[in-house]
Amino acid sequence: MKVAVLGASPKADRYANIALHRLQDAGHEAIGVNPALPDLGGFPCVAAIGDLPDGVDTVTVYLGGARSQELADQILIYGFRRAIFNPGAENPELERTLSDAGVEVLEGCTLVMLSTRQF
């Protein structure tokens, strides 16, 4: 499955970076989204949601609510099947908008979901 990591980071101690590695280890195609990073050390990275390839199933969000709200239209337009809001990235307004549009919305930790095979 293709998974977009919104707020991807090149810093090894950041949860978004750890998620890239764990997603790949679990057999998923992880794609970072960060406008400031052309490369994530071996992981593909795009500057904007609209730059993602077709067929990305899930977006896992590692941005605070104010930052993700700025991207609400882009997230909605892309047409993800599922959106995961990790701890600290919750955004009730965006979550409600996505849910109303038929997107499966979860508040949860991608890392925990992967480790417990609930991803």
Protein backbone atom coordinates (compact mmCIF):
# COMPACT_ATOMS: atom_id res chain seq x y z
CA MET A 1 0.00 0.00 0.00
CA LYS A 2 1.19 3.53 -0.73
CA VAL A 3 1.27 5.77 2.35
CA ALA A 4 1.97 9.52 2.49
CA VAL A 5 3.73 10.78 5.61
CA LEU A 6 2.63 14.39 6.02
CA GLY A 7 5.32 16.27 7.92
CA ALA A 8 8.11 13.86 7.03
CA SER A 9 11.43 14.64 8.68
CA PRO A 10 15.03 13.69 7.92
CA LYS A 11 15.79 13.66 11.67
CA ALA A 12 16.14 10.06 12.86
CA ASP A 13 14.62 10.77 16.28
CA ARG A 14 11.36 12.20 14.88
CA TYR A 15 8.31 9.95 14.85
CA ALA A 16 7.55 10.88 11.24
CA ASN A 17 11.00 9.61 10.23
CA ILE A 18 10.61 6.44 12.27
CA ALA A 19 7.23 5.91 10.58
CA LEU A 20 8.84 6.05 7.12
CA HIS A 21 11.22 3.25 8.10
CA ARG A 22 8.60 1.11 9.84
CA LEU A 23 6.14 1.49 6.97
CA GLN A 24 8.82 0.34 4.54
CA ASP A 25 9.79 -2.54 6.83
CA ALA A 26 6.14 -3.63 6.84
CA GLY A 27 6.11 -3.73 3.04
CA HIS A 28 4.39 -0.41 2.36
CA GLU A 29 5.58 2.26 -0.05
CA ALA A 30 6.22 5.30 2.17
CA ILE A 31 6.34 8.73 0.54
CA GLY A 32 7.25 11.83 2.52
CA VAL A 33 5.50 15.15 2.11
CA ASN A 34 7.52 18.20 3.14
CA PRO A 35 7.96 21.38 1.07
CA ALA A 36 11.48 21.97 2.37
CA LEU A 37 12.95 18.54 1.60
CA PRO A 38 13.80 17.19 -1.82
CA ASP A 39 15.25 13.99 -0.35
CA LEU A 40 14.73 11.97 2.81
CA GLY A 41 17.77 9.75 2.58
CA GLY A 42 16.43 7.04 0.34
CA PHE A 43 12.72 7.74 0.69
CA PRO A 44 10.86 9.61 -2.00
CA CYS A 45 9.62 13.01 -0.86
CA VAL A 46 7.32 15.51 -2.55
CA ALA A 47 6.81 19.17 -1.77
CA ALA A 48 3.01 19.11 -1.79
CA ILE A 49 0.12 16.69 -1.55
CA GLY A 50 -0.75 17.46 -5.17
CA ASP A 51 2.69 16.14 -6.17
CA LEU A 52 1.99 12.67 -4.81
CA PRO A 53 1.71 9.87 -7.36
CA ASP A 54 -1.69 8.34 -8.01
CA GLY A 55 -2.89 5.56 -5.77
CA VAL A 56 -1.77 6.70 -2.33
CA ASP A 57 -4.25 4.99 -0.01
CA THR A 58 -3.45 6.52 3.37
CA VAL A 59 -2.11 9.80 4.69
CA THR A 60 -0.58 9.69 8.15
CA VAL A 61 -0.41 13.17 9.66
CA TYR A 62 2.50 14.40 11.79
CA LEU A 63 1.66 18.12 11.63
CA GLY A 64 -0.06 20.17 14.30
CA GLY A 65 -3.69 21.11 13.77
CA ALA A 66 -3.00 24.64 12.53
CA ARG A 67 -0.55 23.38 9.89
CA SER A 68 -2.79 20.56 8.71
CA GLN A 69 -5.79 22.90 8.54
CA GLU A 70 -3.89 25.01 6.00
CA LEU A 71 -3.66 21.86 3.85
CA ALA A 72 -7.28 20.77 4.32
CA ASP A 73 -8.34 21.45 0.73
CA GLN A 74 -5.33 19.61 -0.68
CA ILE A 75 -5.95 16.62 1.60
CA LEU A 76 -9.62 16.50 0.65
CA ILE A 77 -8.99 16.92 -3.09
CA TYR A 78 -6.39 14.13 -3.26
CA GLY A 79 -8.97 11.52 -2.32
CA PHE A 80 -7.18 9.45 0.32
CA ARG A 81 -9.16 6.44 1.52
CA ARG A 82 -7.85 6.81 5.07
CA ALA A 83 -6.31 9.53 7.24
CA ILE A 84 -4.46 8.81 10.48
CA PHE A 85 -3.93 11.68 12.91
CA ASN A 86 -1.03 10.78 15.17
CA PRO A 87 -0.77 11.98 18.81
CA GLY A 88 -0.22 15.72 18.83
CA ALA A 89 -1.54 16.06 15.27
CA GLU A 90 -5.24 15.84 16.08
CA ASN A 91 -7.45 18.27 14.17
CA PRO A 92 -11.16 17.77 14.96
CA GLU A 93 -12.34 20.20 12.27
CA LEU A 94 -10.34 18.54 9.50
CA GLU A 95 -11.17 15.08 10.81
CA ARG A 96 -14.89 15.89 10.66
CA THR A 97 -14.57 17.34 7.13
CA LEU A 98 -12.76 14.25 5.89
CA SER A 99 -15.17 11.89 7.62
CA ASP A 100 -18.14 13.73 6.09
CA ALA A 101 -16.48 13.23 2.69
CA GLY A 102 -16.29 9.46 3.24
CA VAL A 103 -12.66 9.22 4.32
CA GLU A 104 -11.91 6.72 7.09
CA VAL A 105 -10.46 8.88 9.87
CA LEU A 106 -8.47 7.51 12.80
CA GLU A 107 -6.82 9.17 15.76
CA GLY A 108 -4.00 6.81 16.55
CA CYS A 109 -0.31 6.18 16.42
CA THR A 110 0.94 4.79 13.14
CA LEU A 111 3.90 3.19 14.93
CA VAL A 112 1.65 1.37 17.40
CA MET A 113 -0.73 0.34 14.64
CA LEU A 114 2.17 -1.14 12.69
CA SER A 115 3.65 -2.95 15.69
CA THR A 116 0.29 -4.50 16.59
CA ARG A 117 -0.58 -5.33 12.98
CA GLN A 118 -3.60 -3.04 13.01
CA PHE A 119 -2.34 -0.85 10.19
